[in-house]
Amino acid sequence: MESYLNNLNNFEHRKFLSKLRLSAHDFPIEKLRKQNVPRHKRYCEKCKSSDIGDEFHYLMRCPDFYLQGLRDEFIKKTAELVPQILFLPMRERFIYIVSCADMNCYKLLAPLLAKGMKYLAKCE
């Protein structure tokens, strides 16, 4: 059992973090897979770019104003705990964030996910 399940007190935060880690969300990468849309056509529905609407896109790249604000706040707070994160290439930064064994990182990531996933669900 993953440690965040025991160490995050907020049920909603645990739920959204679990959804991300299990790909049990409604990002286009999963939602459109169920509709047999080819992977290369599962575009972000929020920014209307030609980027695939996957976890990496929403956590690291989507230019949507609200998501960008959440991401900037998260990276700033995370960099206070782990300054080296700012020097990682974006893909490695993403891997560090979603596989972080540091509970403090999860405590920062979970509220971001809750806000971001709720926001994306409202926009559909």
Protein backbone atom coordinates (compact mmCIF):
# COMPACT_ATOMS: atom_id res chain seq x y z
CA MET A 1 0.00 0.00 0.00
CA GLU A 2 1.34 3.44 -0.92
CA SER A 3 2.33 5.66 2.00
CA TYR A 4 0.24 8.63 0.85
CA LEU A 5 -2.92 6.59 1.52
CA ASN A 6 -2.07 6.57 5.22
CA ASN A 7 -0.42 9.98 5.48
CA LEU A 8 -2.80 12.30 3.65
CA ASN A 9 -5.61 13.16 6.02
CA ASN A 10 -7.90 14.70 3.42
CA PHE A 11 -9.96 11.95 1.73
CA GLU A 12 -10.56 14.08 -1.35
CA HIS A 13 -6.83 14.64 -1.81
CA ARG A 14 -6.15 10.90 -1.51
CA LYS A 15 -8.88 10.24 -4.06
CA PHE A 16 -7.50 12.62 -6.68
CA LEU A 17 -3.92 11.47 -6.17
CA SER A 18 -5.05 7.86 -6.57
CA LYS A 19 -6.97 8.77 -9.74
CA LEU A 20 -3.84 10.28 -11.23
CA ARG A 21 -1.61 7.35 -10.32
CA LEU A 22 -4.13 4.77 -11.56
CA SER A 23 -5.10 6.70 -14.72
CA ALA A 24 -8.68 6.62 -13.43
CA HIS A 25 -9.42 10.18 -14.51
CA ASP A 26 -11.29 11.84 -17.34
CA PHE A 27 -8.34 13.35 -19.18
CA PRO A 28 -8.71 12.88 -22.93
CA ILE A 29 -5.93 10.27 -22.96
CA GLU A 30 -8.20 7.92 -20.98
CA LYS A 31 -11.68 9.18 -21.81
CA LEU A 32 -11.10 8.98 -25.56
CA ARG A 33 -9.32 5.63 -25.27
CA LYS A 34 -12.64 4.19 -24.13
CA GLN A 35 -14.19 5.63 -27.30
CA ASN A 36 -11.47 3.99 -29.47
CA VAL A 37 -10.00 7.33 -30.56
CA PRO A 38 -6.39 6.81 -31.72
CA ARG A 39 -3.86 7.96 -29.12
CA HIS A 40 -2.39 10.64 -31.37
CA LYS A 41 -5.85 12.28 -31.64
CA ARG A 42 -6.65 12.51 -27.92
CA TYR A 43 -6.02 16.25 -27.78
CA CYS A 44 -6.32 18.56 -24.80
CA GLU A 45 -9.88 19.87 -24.75
CA LYS A 46 -8.99 22.87 -22.62
CA CYS A 47 -6.31 24.65 -24.61
CA LYS A 48 -7.30 23.28 -28.04
CA SER A 49 -3.66 22.62 -28.86
CA SER A 50 -2.39 19.62 -30.73
CA ASP A 51 -0.94 18.28 -27.48
CA ILE A 52 -2.17 14.96 -26.16
CA GLY A 53 -4.41 15.55 -23.12
CA ASP A 54 -2.49 13.35 -20.70
CA GLU A 55 -1.16 13.70 -17.17
CA PHE A 56 2.08 15.29 -18.34
CA HIS A 57 0.26 17.90 -20.39
CA TYR A 58 -2.09 19.01 -17.62
CA LEU A 59 0.50 18.99 -14.83
CA MET A 60 3.40 20.49 -16.77
CA ARG A 61 2.45 22.21 -20.03
CA CYS A 62 -1.17 23.21 -20.56
CA PRO A 63 -1.22 26.99 -21.12
CA ASP A 64 -4.69 27.36 -19.59
CA PHE A 65 -4.53 30.37 -17.26
CA TYR A 66 -6.03 28.62 -14.21
CA LEU A 67 -3.90 25.48 -14.58
CA GLN A 68 -0.78 27.59 -15.13
CA GLY A 69 -1.47 29.46 -11.89
CA LEU A 70 -1.87 26.21 -9.94
CA ARG A 71 1.28 24.81 -11.50
CA ASP A 72 3.36 27.93 -10.76
CA GLU A 73 2.25 27.92 -7.12
CA PHE A 74 3.03 24.20 -6.80
CA ILE A 75 6.49 24.46 -8.40
CA LYS A 76 7.36 27.45 -6.22
CA LYS A 77 6.40 25.60 -3.02
CA THR A 78 8.08 22.39 -4.15
CA ALA A 79 11.28 24.24 -5.02
CA GLU A 80 11.41 25.56 -1.45
CA LEU A 81 11.58 21.92 -0.28
CA VAL A 82 13.63 20.52 -3.17
CA PRO A 83 15.54 23.35 -4.93
CA GLN A 84 17.14 20.93 -7.42
CA ILE A 85 13.75 20.36 -9.06
CA LEU A 86 14.17 23.63 -10.94
CA PHE A 87 17.21 22.24 -12.74
CA LEU A 88 15.51 19.08 -14.01
CA PRO A 89 14.25 18.89 -17.59
CA MET A 90 10.46 19.05 -17.70
CA ARG A 91 9.93 15.30 -18.30
CA GLU A 92 12.20 14.34 -15.38
CA ARG A 93 10.53 16.99 -13.20
CA PHE A 94 7.16 15.40 -13.95
CA ILE A 95 8.46 11.93 -13.09
CA TYR A 96 9.90 13.23 -9.83
CA ILE A 97 6.62 14.93 -8.91
CA VAL A 98 4.30 12.00 -9.58
CA SER A 99 6.62 9.37 -8.13
CA CYS A 100 7.89 11.45 -5.24
CA ALA A 101 8.57 9.42 -2.13
CA ASP A 102 8.68 12.63 -0.09
CA MET A 103 5.36 13.01 1.72
CA ASN A 104 5.75 16.79 1.73
CA CYS A 105 5.72 16.71 -2.07
CA TYR A 106 2.51 14.67 -2.08
CA LYS A 107 0.96 17.09 0.39
CA LEU A 108 1.60 19.87 -2.11
CA LEU A 109 0.57 17.84 -5.17
CA ALA A 110 -2.73 16.50 -3.81
CA PRO A 111 -4.55 19.86 -3.45
CA LEU A 112 -3.29 20.92 -6.88
CA LEU A 113 -4.77 17.77 -8.38
CA ALA A 114 -8.06 18.22 -6.57
CA LYS A 115 -8.43 21.81 -7.79
CA GLY A 116 -7.20 21.06 -11.30
CA MET A 117 -9.31 17.95 -11.86
CA LYS A 118 -12.45 19.68 -10.54
CA TYR A 119 -11.74 22.64 -12.81
CA LEU A 120 -11.27 20.41 -15.86
CA ALA A 121 -14.47 18.49 -15.08
CA LYS A 122 -16.46 21.77 -14.94
CA CYS A 123 -15.05 22.87 -18.29
CA GLU A 124 -16.21 19.83 -20.23
